[in-house]
């Protein structure tokens, strides 16, 4: 449990600037799609961290629930948010 918390805070401070930008984007997306955002602050913050990390790695915002490391055909199935 302590390792998970340490990892969370490392990522939080690493992506702190990006988290604010992701928060604005998530709020617009949720409103446009008429969804509800999970009210648990740990889960919503993790989502912002994951989006920031994936965008940093792949250069675009991809769904964190999908591993885009496959081939071209598999990557084409990636859910773009």
PDB file of N, CA and C in Angstrom:
ATOM      1  N   UNK A   1       0.828  -1.199   0.000  1.00  0.00           N
ATOM      2  CA  UNK A   1       0.000   0.000   0.000  1.00  0.00           C
ATOM      3  C   UNK A   1       0.871   1.261   0.000  1.00  0.00           C
ATOM      4  N   UNK A   2       1.955   1.227   0.776  1.00  0.00           N
ATOM      5  CA  UNK A   2       2.812   2.403   0.873  1.00  0.00           C
ATOM      6  C   UNK A   2       3.516   2.678  -0.457  1.00  0.00           C
ATOM      7  N   UNK A   3       3.889   1.600  -1.183  1.00  0.00           N
ATOM      8  CA  UNK A   3       4.513   1.782  -2.502  1.00  0.00           C
ATOM      9  C   UNK A   3       3.557   2.466  -3.469  1.00  0.00           C
ATOM     10  N   UNK A   4       2.298   2.065  -3.410  1.00  0.00           N
ATOM     11  CA  UNK A   4       1.287   2.670  -4.278  1.00  0.00           C
ATOM     12  C   UNK A   4       1.138   4.163  -3.968  1.00  0.00           C
ATOM     13  N   UNK A   5       1.137   4.498  -2.706  1.00  0.00           N
ATOM     14  CA  UNK A   5       0.995   5.905  -2.319  1.00  0.00           C
ATOM     15  C   UNK A   5       2.219   6.715  -2.739  1.00  0.00           C
ATOM     16  N   UNK A   6       3.397   6.148  -2.587  1.00  0.00           N
ATOM     17  CA  UNK A   6       4.622   6.838  -3.008  1.00  0.00           C
ATOM     18  C   UNK A   6       4.600   7.063  -4.508  1.00  0.00           C
ATOM     19  N   UNK A   7       4.211   6.025  -5.261  1.00  0.00           N
ATOM     20  CA  UNK A   7       4.110   6.150  -6.713  1.00  0.00           C
ATOM     21  C   UNK A   7       3.102   7.206  -7.128  1.00  0.00           C
ATOM     22  N   UNK A   8       1.975   7.245  -6.432  1.00  0.00           N
ATOM     23  CA  UNK A   8       0.942   8.231  -6.731  1.00  0.00           C
ATOM     24  C   UNK A   8       1.494   9.649  -6.563  1.00  0.00           C
ATOM     25  N   UNK A   9       2.144   9.908  -5.436  1.00  0.00           N
ATOM     26  CA  UNK A   9       2.637  11.262  -5.177  1.00  0.00           C
ATOM     27  C   UNK A   9       3.801  11.643  -6.090  1.00  0.00           C
ATOM     28  N   UNK A  10       4.641  10.673  -6.457  1.00  0.00           N
ATOM     29  CA  UNK A  10       5.713  10.958  -7.422  1.00  0.00           C
ATOM     30  C   UNK A  10       5.112  11.404  -8.751  1.00  0.00           C
ATOM     31  N   UNK A  11       4.137  10.635  -9.227  1.00  0.00           N
ATOM     32  CA  UNK A  11       3.481  10.978 -10.496  1.00  0.00           C
ATOM     33  C   UNK A  11       2.710  12.287 -10.384  1.00  0.00           C
ATOM     34  N   UNK A  12       2.077  12.511  -9.238  1.00  0.00           N
ATOM     35  CA  UNK A  12       1.311  13.737  -9.055  1.00  0.00           C
ATOM     36  C   UNK A  12       2.215  14.962  -9.211  1.00  0.00           C
ATOM     37  N   UNK A  13       3.362  14.948  -8.573  1.00  0.00           N
ATOM     38  CA  UNK A  13       4.263  16.100  -8.666  1.00  0.00           C
ATOM     39  C   UNK A  13       4.966  16.172 -10.016  1.00  0.00           C
ATOM     40  N   UNK A  14       5.189  15.024 -10.636  1.00  0.00           N
ATOM     41  CA  UNK A  14       5.816  15.004 -11.966  1.00  0.00           C
ATOM     42  C   UNK A  14       4.902  15.639 -13.014  1.00  0.00           C
ATOM     43  N   UNK A  15       3.610  15.379 -12.928  1.00  0.00           N
ATOM     44  CA  UNK A  15       2.645  15.848 -13.931  1.00  0.00           C
ATOM     45  C   UNK A  15       1.745  16.969 -13.412  1.00  0.00           C
ATOM     46  N   UNK A  16       2.166  17.672 -12.386  1.00  0.00           N
ATOM     47  CA  UNK A  16       1.318  18.665 -11.737  1.00  0.00           C
ATOM     48  C   UNK A  16       0.765  19.705 -12.716  1.00  0.00           C
ATOM     49  N   UNK A  17       1.602  20.224 -13.613  1.00  0.00           N
ATOM     50  CA  UNK A  17       1.130  21.220 -14.591  1.00  0.00           C
ATOM     51  C   UNK A  17       0.140  20.602 -15.570  1.00  0.00           C
ATOM     52  N   UNK A  18       0.434  19.397 -16.018  1.00  0.00           N
ATOM     53  CA  UNK A  18      -0.444  18.725 -16.978  1.00  0.00           C
ATOM     54  C   UNK A  18      -1.775  18.331 -16.349  1.00  0.00           C
ATOM     55  N   UNK A  19      -1.775  18.045 -15.069  1.00  0.00           N
ATOM     56  CA  UNK A  19      -3.002  17.625 -14.388  1.00  0.00           C
ATOM     57  C   UNK A  19      -4.061  18.719 -14.465  1.00  0.00           C
ATOM     58  N   UNK A  20      -3.648  19.956 -14.320  1.00  0.00           N
ATOM     59  CA  UNK A  20      -4.612  21.070 -14.410  1.00  0.00           C
ATOM     60  C   UNK A  20      -5.223  21.139 -15.807  1.00  0.00           C
ATOM     61  N   UNK A  21      -4.387  20.942 -16.824  1.00  0.00           N
ATOM     62  CA  UNK A  21      -4.871  20.974 -18.209  1.00  0.00           C
ATOM     63  C   UNK A  21      -5.808  19.795 -18.470  1.00  0.00           C
ATOM     64  N   UNK A  22      -5.442  18.618 -17.962  1.00  0.00           N
ATOM     65  CA  UNK A  22      -6.304  17.444 -18.138  1.00  0.00           C
ATOM     66  C   UNK A  22      -7.635  17.633 -17.412  1.00  0.00           C
ATOM     67  N   UNK A  23      -7.596  18.282 -16.257  1.00  0.00           N
ATOM     68  CA  UNK A  23      -8.821  18.528 -15.495  1.00  0.00           C
ATOM     69  C   UNK A  23      -9.797  19.370 -16.310  1.00  0.00           C
ATOM     70  N   UNK A  24      -9.302  20.412 -16.944  1.00  0.00           N
ATOM     71  CA  UNK A  24     -10.163  21.264 -17.782  1.00  0.00           C
ATOM     72  C   UNK A  24     -10.735  20.457 -18.938  1.00  0.00           C
ATOM     73  N   UNK A  25      -9.890  19.636 -19.572  1.00  0.00           N
ATOM     74  CA  UNK A  25     -10.348  18.838 -20.705  1.00  0.00           C
ATOM     75  C   UNK A  25     -11.393  17.816 -20.264  1.00  0.00           C
ATOM     76  N   UNK A  26     -11.157  17.148 -19.138  1.00  0.00           N
ATOM     77  CA  UNK A  26     -12.098  16.141 -18.636  1.00  0.00           C
ATOM     78  C   UNK A  26     -13.447  16.778 -18.335  1.00  0.00           C
ATOM     79  N   UNK A  27     -13.441  17.948 -17.713  1.00  0.00           N
ATOM     80  CA  UNK A  27     -14.705  18.625 -17.397  1.00  0.00           C
ATOM     81  C   UNK A  27     -15.488  18.952 -18.667  1.00  0.00           C
ATOM     82  N   UNK A  28     -14.800  19.426 -19.708  1.00  0.00           N
ATOM     83  CA  UNK A  28     -15.486  19.715 -20.979  1.00  0.00           C
ATOM     84  C   UNK A  28     -16.014  18.430 -21.608  1.00  0.00           C
ATOM     85  N   UNK A  29     -15.195  17.378 -21.594  1.00  0.00           N
ATOM     86  CA  UNK A  29     -15.586  16.110 -22.190  1.00  0.00           C
ATOM     87  C   UNK A  29     -16.813  15.523 -21.483  1.00  0.00           C
ATOM     88  N   UNK A  30     -16.784  15.533 -20.157  1.00  0.00           N
ATOM     89  CA  UNK A  30     -17.903  14.997 -19.365  1.00  0.00           C
ATOM     90  C   UNK A  30     -19.181  15.769 -19.663  1.00  0.00           C
ATOM     91  N   UNK A  31     -19.055  17.074 -19.771  1.00  0.00           N
ATOM     92  CA  UNK A  31     -20.230  17.898 -20.058  1.00  0.00           C
ATOM     93  C   UNK A  31     -20.766  17.632 -21.466  1.00  0.00           C
ATOM     94  N   UNK A  32     -19.875  17.544 -22.451  1.00  0.00           N
ATOM     95  CA  UNK A  32     -20.301  17.292 -23.827  1.00  0.00           C
ATOM     96  C   UNK A  32     -20.984  15.941 -23.990  1.00  0.00           C
ATOM     97  N   UNK A  33     -20.438  14.922 -23.335  1.00  0.00           N
ATOM     98  CA  UNK A  33     -20.965  13.557 -23.472  1.00  0.00           C
ATOM     99  C   UNK A  33     -22.057  13.245 -22.457  1.00  0.00           C
ATOM    100  N   UNK A  34     -22.361  14.214 -21.588  1.00  0.00           N
ATOM    101  CA  UNK A  34     -23.387  14.041 -20.562  1.00  0.00           C
ATOM    102  C   UNK A  34     -23.087  12.854 -19.640  1.00  0.00           C
ATOM    103  N   UNK A  35     -21.817  12.743 -19.241  1.00  0.00           N
ATOM    104  CA  UNK A  35     -21.377  11.704 -18.312  1.00  0.00           C
ATOM    105  C   UNK A  35     -21.219  12.299 -16.929  1.00  0.00           C
ATOM    106  N   UNK A  36     -21.024  11.442 -15.956  1.00  0.00           N
ATOM    107  CA  UNK A  36     -20.691  11.866 -14.599  1.00  0.00           C
ATOM    108  C   UNK A  36     -19.259  11.449 -14.306  1.00  0.00           C
ATOM    109  N   UNK A  37     -18.523  12.325 -13.664  1.00  0.00           N
ATOM    110  CA  UNK A  37     -17.156  12.027 -13.277  1.00  0.00           C
ATOM    111  C   UNK A  37     -17.164  11.384 -11.896  1.00  0.00           C
ATOM    112  N   UNK A  38     -16.346  10.365 -11.714  1.00  0.00           N
ATOM    113  CA  UNK A  38     -16.251   9.711 -10.414  1.00  0.00           C
ATOM    114  C   UNK A  38     -15.848  10.748  -9.374  1.00  0.00           C
ATOM    115  N   UNK A  39     -16.592  10.822  -8.293  1.00  0.00           N
ATOM    116  CA  UNK A  39     -16.360  11.855  -7.282  1.00  0.00           C
ATOM    117  C   UNK A  39     -15.209  11.523  -6.332  1.00  0.00           C
ATOM    118  N   UNK A  40     -14.668  10.314  -6.416  1.00  0.00           N
ATOM    119  CA  UNK A  40     -13.538   9.931  -5.586  1.00  0.00           C
ATOM    120  C   UNK A  40     -12.290  10.687  -6.071  1.00  0.00           C
ATOM    121  N   UNK A  41     -11.726  11.561  -5.230  1.00  0.00           N
ATOM    122  CA  UNK A  41     -10.585  12.372  -5.670  1.00  0.00           C
ATOM    123  C   UNK A  41      -9.366  11.551  -6.079  1.00  0.00           C
ATOM    124  N   UNK A  42      -9.153  10.406  -5.457  1.00  0.00           N
ATOM    125  CA  UNK A  42      -8.004   9.560  -5.812  1.00  0.00           C
ATOM    126  C   UNK A  42      -8.163   9.001  -7.221  1.00  0.00           C
ATOM    127  N   UNK A  43      -9.355   8.566  -7.551  1.00  0.00           N
ATOM    128  CA  UNK A  43      -9.610   7.989  -8.872  1.00  0.00           C
ATOM    129  C   UNK A  43      -9.541   9.061  -9.951  1.00  0.00           C
ATOM    130  N   UNK A  44     -10.174  10.206  -9.719  1.00  0.00           N
ATOM    131  CA  UNK A  44     -10.143  11.258 -10.743  1.00  0.00           C
ATOM    132  C   UNK A  44      -8.733  11.817 -10.920  1.00  0.00           C
ATOM    133  N   UNK A  45      -7.957  11.898  -9.849  1.00  0.00           N
ATOM    134  CA  UNK A  45      -6.577  12.369  -9.974  1.00  0.00           C
ATOM    135  C   UNK A  45      -5.727  11.352 -10.717  1.00  0.00           C
ATOM    136  N   UNK A  46      -5.930  10.066 -10.439  1.00  0.00           N
ATOM    137  CA  UNK A  46      -5.211   9.027 -11.179  1.00  0.00           C
ATOM    138  C   UNK A  46      -5.536   9.098 -12.669  1.00  0.00           C
ATOM    139  N   UNK A  47      -6.782   9.339 -13.014  1.00  0.00           N
ATOM    140  CA  UNK A  47      -7.165   9.465 -14.418  1.00  0.00           C
ATOM    141  C   UNK A  47      -6.395  10.606 -15.077  1.00  0.00           C
ATOM    142  N   UNK A  48      -6.293  11.729 -14.398  1.00  0.00           N
ATOM    143  CA  UNK A  48      -5.558  12.883 -14.937  1.00  0.00           C
ATOM    144  C   UNK A  48      -4.075  12.561 -15.089  1.00  0.00           C
ATOM    145  N   UNK A  49      -3.524  11.847 -14.135  1.00  0.00           N
ATOM    146  CA  UNK A  49      -2.115  11.440 -14.215  1.00  0.00           C
ATOM    147  C   UNK A  49      -1.908  10.491 -15.385  1.00  0.00           C
ATOM    148  N   UNK A  50      -2.795   9.492 -15.518  1.00  0.00           N
ATOM    149  CA  UNK A  50      -2.666   8.525 -16.612  1.00  0.00           C
ATOM    150  C   UNK A  50      -2.787   9.205 -17.964  1.00  0.00           C
ATOM    151  N   UNK A  51      -3.735  10.114 -18.115  1.00  0.00           N
ATOM    152  CA  UNK A  51      -3.878  10.836 -19.378  1.00  0.00           C
ATOM    153  C   UNK A  51      -2.630  11.650 -19.681  1.00  0.00           C
ATOM    154  N   UNK A  52      -2.066  12.289 -18.686  1.00  0.00           N
ATOM    155  CA  UNK A  52      -0.848  13.091 -18.869  1.00  0.00           C
ATOM    156  C   UNK A  52       0.329  12.206 -19.263  1.00  0.00           C
ATOM    157  N   UNK A  53       0.451  11.079 -18.588  1.00  0.00           N
ATOM    158  CA  UNK A  53       1.562  10.171 -18.865  1.00  0.00           C
ATOM    159  C   UNK A  53       1.461   9.594 -20.275  1.00  0.00           C
ATOM    160  N   UNK A  54       0.284   9.152 -20.657  1.00  0.00           N
ATOM    161  CA  UNK A  54       0.087   8.569 -21.987  1.00  0.00           C
ATOM    162  C   UNK A  54       0.291   9.624 -23.072  1.00  0.00           C
ATOM    163  N   UNK A  55      -0.201  10.839 -22.834  1.00  0.00           N
ATOM    164  CA  UNK A  55      -0.014  11.907 -23.809  1.00  0.00           C
ATOM    165  C   UNK A  55       1.475  12.241 -23.951  1.00  0.00           C
ATOM    166  N   UNK A  56       2.220  12.175 -22.865  1.00  0.00           N
ATOM    167  CA  UNK A  56       3.655  12.407 -22.926  1.00  0.00           C
ATOM    168  C   UNK A  56       4.394  11.325 -23.698  1.00  0.00           C
ATOM    169  N   UNK A  57       3.950  10.091 -23.563  1.00  0.00           N
ATOM    170  CA  UNK A  57       4.608   8.965 -24.231  1.00  0.00           C
ATOM    171  C   UNK A  57       4.247   8.894 -25.708  1.00  0.00           C
ATOM    172  N   UNK A  58       2.955   8.979 -26.026  1.00  0.00           N
ATOM    173  CA  UNK A  58       2.478   8.749 -27.388  1.00  0.00           C
ATOM    174  C   UNK A  58       2.159  10.024 -28.158  1.00  0.00           C
ATOM    175  N   UNK A  59       2.199  11.175 -27.494  1.00  0.00           N
ATOM    176  CA  UNK A  59       1.959  12.436 -28.178  1.00  0.00           C
ATOM    177  C   UNK A  59       0.504  12.751 -28.442  1.00  0.00           C
ATOM    178  N   UNK A  60      -0.399  11.935 -27.943  1.00  0.00           N
ATOM    179  CA  UNK A  60      -1.824  12.205 -28.095  1.00  0.00           C
ATOM    180  C   UNK A  60      -2.565  11.611 -26.915  1.00  0.00           C
ATOM    181  N   UNK A  61      -3.726  12.098 -26.691  1.00  0.00           N
ATOM    182  CA  UNK A  61      -4.537  11.654 -25.551  1.00  0.00           C
ATOM    183  C   UNK A  61      -5.238  10.359 -25.931  1.00  0.00           C
ATOM    184  N   UNK A  62      -4.899   9.275 -25.223  1.00  0.00           N
ATOM    185  CA  UNK A  62      -5.492   7.967 -25.472  1.00  0.00           C
ATOM    186  C   UNK A  62      -6.158   7.465 -24.203  1.00  0.00           C
ATOM    187  N   UNK A  63      -7.126   6.610 -24.369  1.00  0.00           N
ATOM    188  CA  UNK A  63      -7.818   6.038 -23.226  1.00  0.00           C
ATOM    189  C   UNK A  63      -6.831   5.242 -22.374  1.00  0.00           C
ATOM    190  N   UNK A  64      -6.754   5.538 -21.072  1.00  0.00           N
ATOM    191  CA  UNK A  64      -5.816   4.803 -20.230  1.00  0.00           C
ATOM    192  C   UNK A  64      -6.222   3.347 -19.973  1.00  0.00           C
ATOM    193  N   UNK A  65      -7.403   2.957 -20.397  1.00  0.00           N
ATOM    194  CA  UNK A  65      -7.857   1.585 -20.185  1.00  0.00           C
ATOM    195  C   UNK A  65      -7.364   0.657 -21.295  1.00  0.00           C
ATOM    196  N   UNK A  66      -6.684   1.191 -22.299  1.00  0.00           N
ATOM    197  CA  UNK A  66      -6.243   0.409 -23.447  1.00  0.00           C
ATOM    198  C   UNK A  66      -4.737   0.519 -23.574  1.00  0.00           C
ATOM    199  N   UNK A  67      -4.062  -0.569 -23.843  1.00  0.00           N
ATOM    200  CA  UNK A  67      -2.619  -0.563 -24.032  1.00  0.00           C
ATOM    201  C   UNK A  67      -2.313  -0.371 -25.510  1.00  0.00           C
ATOM    202  N   UNK A  68      -1.857   0.812 -25.921  1.00  0.00           N
ATOM    203  CA  UNK A  68      -1.624   1.097 -27.338  1.00  0.00           C
ATOM    204  C   UNK A  68      -0.282   0.602 -27.853  1.00  0.00           C
ATOM    205  N   UNK A  69       0.350  -0.341 -27.164  1.00  0.00           N
ATOM    206  CA  UNK A  69       1.688  -0.775 -27.548  1.00  0.00           C
ATOM    207  C   UNK A  69       1.684  -1.840 -28.636  1.00  0.00           C
ATOM    208  N   UNK A  70       0.511  -2.241 -29.117  1.00  0.00           N
ATOM    209  CA  UNK A  70       0.434  -3.271 -30.142  1.00  0.00           C
ATOM    210  C   UNK A  70       0.814  -2.747 -31.515  1.00  0.00           C
ATOM    211  N   UNK A  71       0.578  -3.557 -32.527  1.00  0.00           N
ATOM    212  CA  UNK A  71       0.896  -3.178 -33.890  1.00  0.00           C
ATOM    213  C   UNK A  71      -0.030  -2.082 -34.403  1.00  0.00           C
ATOM    214  N   UNK A  72       0.188  -1.696 -35.672  1.00  0.00           N
ATOM    215  CA  UNK A  72      -0.582  -0.599 -36.252  1.00  0.00           C
ATOM    216  C   UNK A  72      -2.078  -0.903 -36.237  1.00  0.00           C
ATOM    217  N   UNK A  73      -2.458  -2.113 -36.604  1.00  0.00           N
ATOM    218  CA  UNK A  73      -3.871  -2.473 -36.631  1.00  0.00           C
ATOM    219  C   UNK A  73      -4.479  -2.389 -35.230  1.00  0.00           C
ATOM    220  N   UNK A  74      -3.758  -2.895 -34.242  1.00  0.00           N
ATOM    221  CA  UNK A  74      -4.244  -2.862 -32.862  1.00  0.00           C
ATOM    222  C   UNK A  74      -4.333  -1.432 -32.365  1.00  0.00           C
ATOM    223  N   UNK A  75      -3.349  -0.598 -32.717  1.00  0.00           N
ATOM    224  CA  UNK A  75      -3.334   0.789 -32.287  1.00  0.00           C
ATOM    225  C   UNK A  75      -4.492   1.561 -32.901  1.00  0.00           C
ATOM    226  N   UNK A  76      -4.905   1.214 -34.100  1.00  0.00           N
ATOM    227  CA  UNK A  76      -6.012   1.892 -34.755  1.00  0.00           C
ATOM    228  C   UNK A  76      -7.313   1.690 -33.956  1.00  0.00           C
ATOM    229  N   UNK A  77      -7.373   0.633 -33.166  1.00  0.00           N
ATOM    230  CA  UNK A  77      -8.566   0.362 -32.364  1.00  0.00           C
ATOM    231  C   UNK A  77      -8.554   1.139 -31.062  1.00  0.00           C
ATOM    232  N   UNK A  78      -7.471   1.859 -30.811  1.00  0.00           N
ATOM    233  CA  UNK A  78      -7.348   2.628 -29.565  1.00  0.00           C
ATOM    234  C   UNK A  78      -8.488   3.629 -29.462  1.00  0.00           C
ATOM    235  N   UNK A  79      -9.044   3.715 -28.293  1.00  0.00           N
ATOM    236  CA  UNK A  79     -10.118   4.672 -28.072  1.00  0.00           C
ATOM    237  C   UNK A  79      -9.539   6.050 -27.855  1.00  0.00           C
ATOM    238  N   UNK A  80      -9.731   6.914 -28.807  1.00  0.00           N
ATOM    239  CA  UNK A  80      -9.301   8.300 -28.636  1.00  0.00           C
ATOM    240  C   UNK A  80     -10.364   9.027 -27.866  1.00  0.00           C
ATOM    241  N   UNK A  81      -9.963   9.712 -26.845  1.00  0.00           N
ATOM    242  CA  UNK A  81     -10.921  10.457 -26.035  1.00  0.00           C
ATOM    243  C   UNK A  81     -11.171  11.819 -26.614  1.00  0.00           C
TER     244      UNK A  81
END
